[in-house]
C-alpha atoms as a PDB file:
ATOM      1  CA  MET A   1      -4.089  11.657  19.450  1.00  0.00           C
ATOM      2  CA  THR A   2      -4.145  11.525  15.655  1.00  0.00           C
ATOM      3  CA  LEU A   3      -6.073  13.580  13.109  1.00  0.00           C
ATOM      4  CA  ARG A   4      -8.633  10.776  12.786  1.00  0.00           C
ATOM      5  CA  GLU A   5      -9.659  11.427  16.403  1.00  0.00           C
ATOM      6  CA  ALA A   6      -9.618  15.248  16.160  1.00  0.00           C
ATOM      7  CA  GLU A   7     -12.733  17.386  16.486  1.00  0.00           C
ATOM      8  CA  GLU A   8     -13.894  19.247  13.399  1.00  0.00           C
ATOM      9  CA  GLY A   9     -13.275  22.994  13.486  1.00  0.00           C
ATOM     10  CA  LYS A  10     -10.751  22.920  16.335  1.00  0.00           C
ATOM     11  CA  GLU A  11      -7.138  24.024  15.750  1.00  0.00           C
ATOM     12  CA  TYR A  12      -4.347  21.677  16.853  1.00  0.00           C
ATOM     13  CA  ILE A  13      -0.558  21.799  16.791  1.00  0.00           C
ATOM     14  CA  ILE A  14       1.223  18.953  14.985  1.00  0.00           C
ATOM     15  CA  ARG A  15       3.486  17.116  17.418  1.00  0.00           C
ATOM     16  CA  GLN A  16       5.046  14.641  14.985  1.00  0.00           C
ATOM     17  CA  ILE A  17       4.610  12.726  11.750  1.00  0.00           C
ATOM     18  CA  ASN A  18       4.842   8.936  12.195  1.00  0.00           C
ATOM     19  CA  THR A  19       6.201   7.671   8.893  1.00  0.00           C
ATOM     20  CA  ASP A  20       9.462   6.139   7.695  1.00  0.00           C
ATOM     21  CA  ASP A  21       8.844   7.254   4.103  1.00  0.00           C
ATOM     22  CA  GLU A  22      11.190  10.174   3.358  1.00  0.00           C
ATOM     23  CA  GLU A  23       9.315  11.033   0.162  1.00  0.00           C
ATOM     24  CA  LEU A  24       6.074  11.343   2.115  1.00  0.00           C
ATOM     25  CA  ASN A  25       7.794  13.496   4.745  1.00  0.00           C
ATOM     26  CA  ALA A  26       9.120  15.802   2.015  1.00  0.00           C
ATOM     27  CA  PHE A  27       5.649  16.047   0.442  1.00  0.00           C
ATOM     28  CA  LEU A  28       4.007  16.904   3.765  1.00  0.00           C
ATOM     29  CA  PHE A  29       6.701  19.479   4.494  1.00  0.00           C
ATOM     30  CA  SER A  30       6.025  21.143   1.129  1.00  0.00           C
ATOM     31  CA  LEU A  31       2.358  21.477   2.163  1.00  0.00           C
ATOM     32  CA  GLY A  32       3.376  23.083   5.452  1.00  0.00           C
ATOM     33  CA  CYS A  33       2.540  19.980   7.483  1.00  0.00           C
ATOM     34  CA  TYR A  34       5.364  19.531  10.009  1.00  0.00           C
ATOM     35  CA  SER A  35       5.976  19.537  13.762  1.00  0.00           C
ATOM     36  CA  GLY A  36       4.958  22.757  15.467  1.00  0.00           C
ATOM     37  CA  GLU A  37       2.566  23.872  12.707  1.00  0.00           C
ATOM     38  CA  ALA A  38      -1.133  24.549  13.317  1.00  0.00           C
ATOM     39  CA  ILE A  39      -3.684  22.284  11.592  1.00  0.00           C
ATOM     40  CA  THR A  40      -7.483  22.244  11.624  1.00  0.00           C
ATOM     41  CA  VAL A  41      -9.754  19.354  10.633  1.00  0.00           C
ATOM     42  CA  VAL A  42     -12.455  20.896   8.464  1.00  0.00           C
ATOM     43  CA  ALA A  43     -14.441  17.688   7.907  1.00  0.00           C
ATOM     44  CA  HIS A  44     -14.155  13.948   8.469  1.00  0.00           C
ATOM     45  CA  ARG A  45     -14.906  11.775   5.463  1.00  0.00           C
ATOM     46  CA  ARG A  46     -15.270   8.033   5.041  1.00  0.00           C
ATOM     47  CA  SER A  47     -12.008   7.842   3.085  1.00  0.00           C
ATOM     48  CA  GLY A  48     -10.095  10.383   5.196  1.00  0.00           C
ATOM     49  CA  CYS A  49     -10.515  14.013   6.132  1.00  0.00           C
ATOM     50  CA  THR A  50     -10.219  17.566   4.883  1.00  0.00           C
ATOM     51  CA  VAL A  51      -7.674  19.692   6.739  1.00  0.00           C
ATOM     52  CA  SER A  52      -6.675  23.337   6.712  1.00  0.00           C
ATOM     53  CA  ILE A  53      -2.976  24.202   6.896  1.00  0.00           C
ATOM     54  CA  LYS A  54      -1.788  27.804   6.430  1.00  0.00           C
ATOM     55  CA  ASP A  55      -5.050  28.986   4.829  1.00  0.00           C
ATOM     56  CA  ALA A  56      -5.088  26.100   2.317  1.00  0.00           C
ATOM     57  CA  ARG A  57      -7.324  23.022   2.362  1.00  0.00           C
ATOM     58  CA  TYR A  58      -6.220  19.485   1.559  1.00  0.00           C
ATOM     59  CA  ASN A  59      -7.942  16.105   1.441  1.00  0.00           C
ATOM     60  CA  ILE A  60      -5.881  13.403   3.088  1.00  0.00           C
ATOM     61  CA  ASP A  61      -6.611   9.692   3.326  1.00  0.00           C
ATOM     62  CA  THR A  62      -7.200   7.719   6.515  1.00  0.00           C
ATOM     63  CA  GLN A  63      -3.704   6.203   6.614  1.00  0.00           C
ATOM     64  CA  LEU A  64      -2.046   9.606   6.406  1.00  0.00           C
ATOM     65  CA  ALA A  65      -4.444  11.108   8.970  1.00  0.00           C
ATOM     66  CA  GLU A  66      -3.428   8.383  11.414  1.00  0.00           C
ATOM     67  CA  ALA A  67       0.277   9.180  10.850  1.00  0.00           C
ATOM     68  CA  ILE A  68      -0.137  12.813  11.931  1.00  0.00           C
ATOM     69  CA  VAL A  69       0.042  13.082  15.727  1.00  0.00           C
ATOM     70  CA  ILE A  70      -1.466  16.180  17.339  1.00  0.00           C
END
């Protein structure tokens, strides 16, 4: 299941990030978004979703939300 399919307010553990872009992987890692880390979808939006990672909130687009497998 990806973040696009996740329920709002429920905590999940990231299983993997499906991307071949090393720069994107490095960016996500700097946010604390990597395998084994907890993530919560705060709200779904038309253009993506708002997530909470380590007590910080981020807006991510639909394409990125579909690359994060939980």
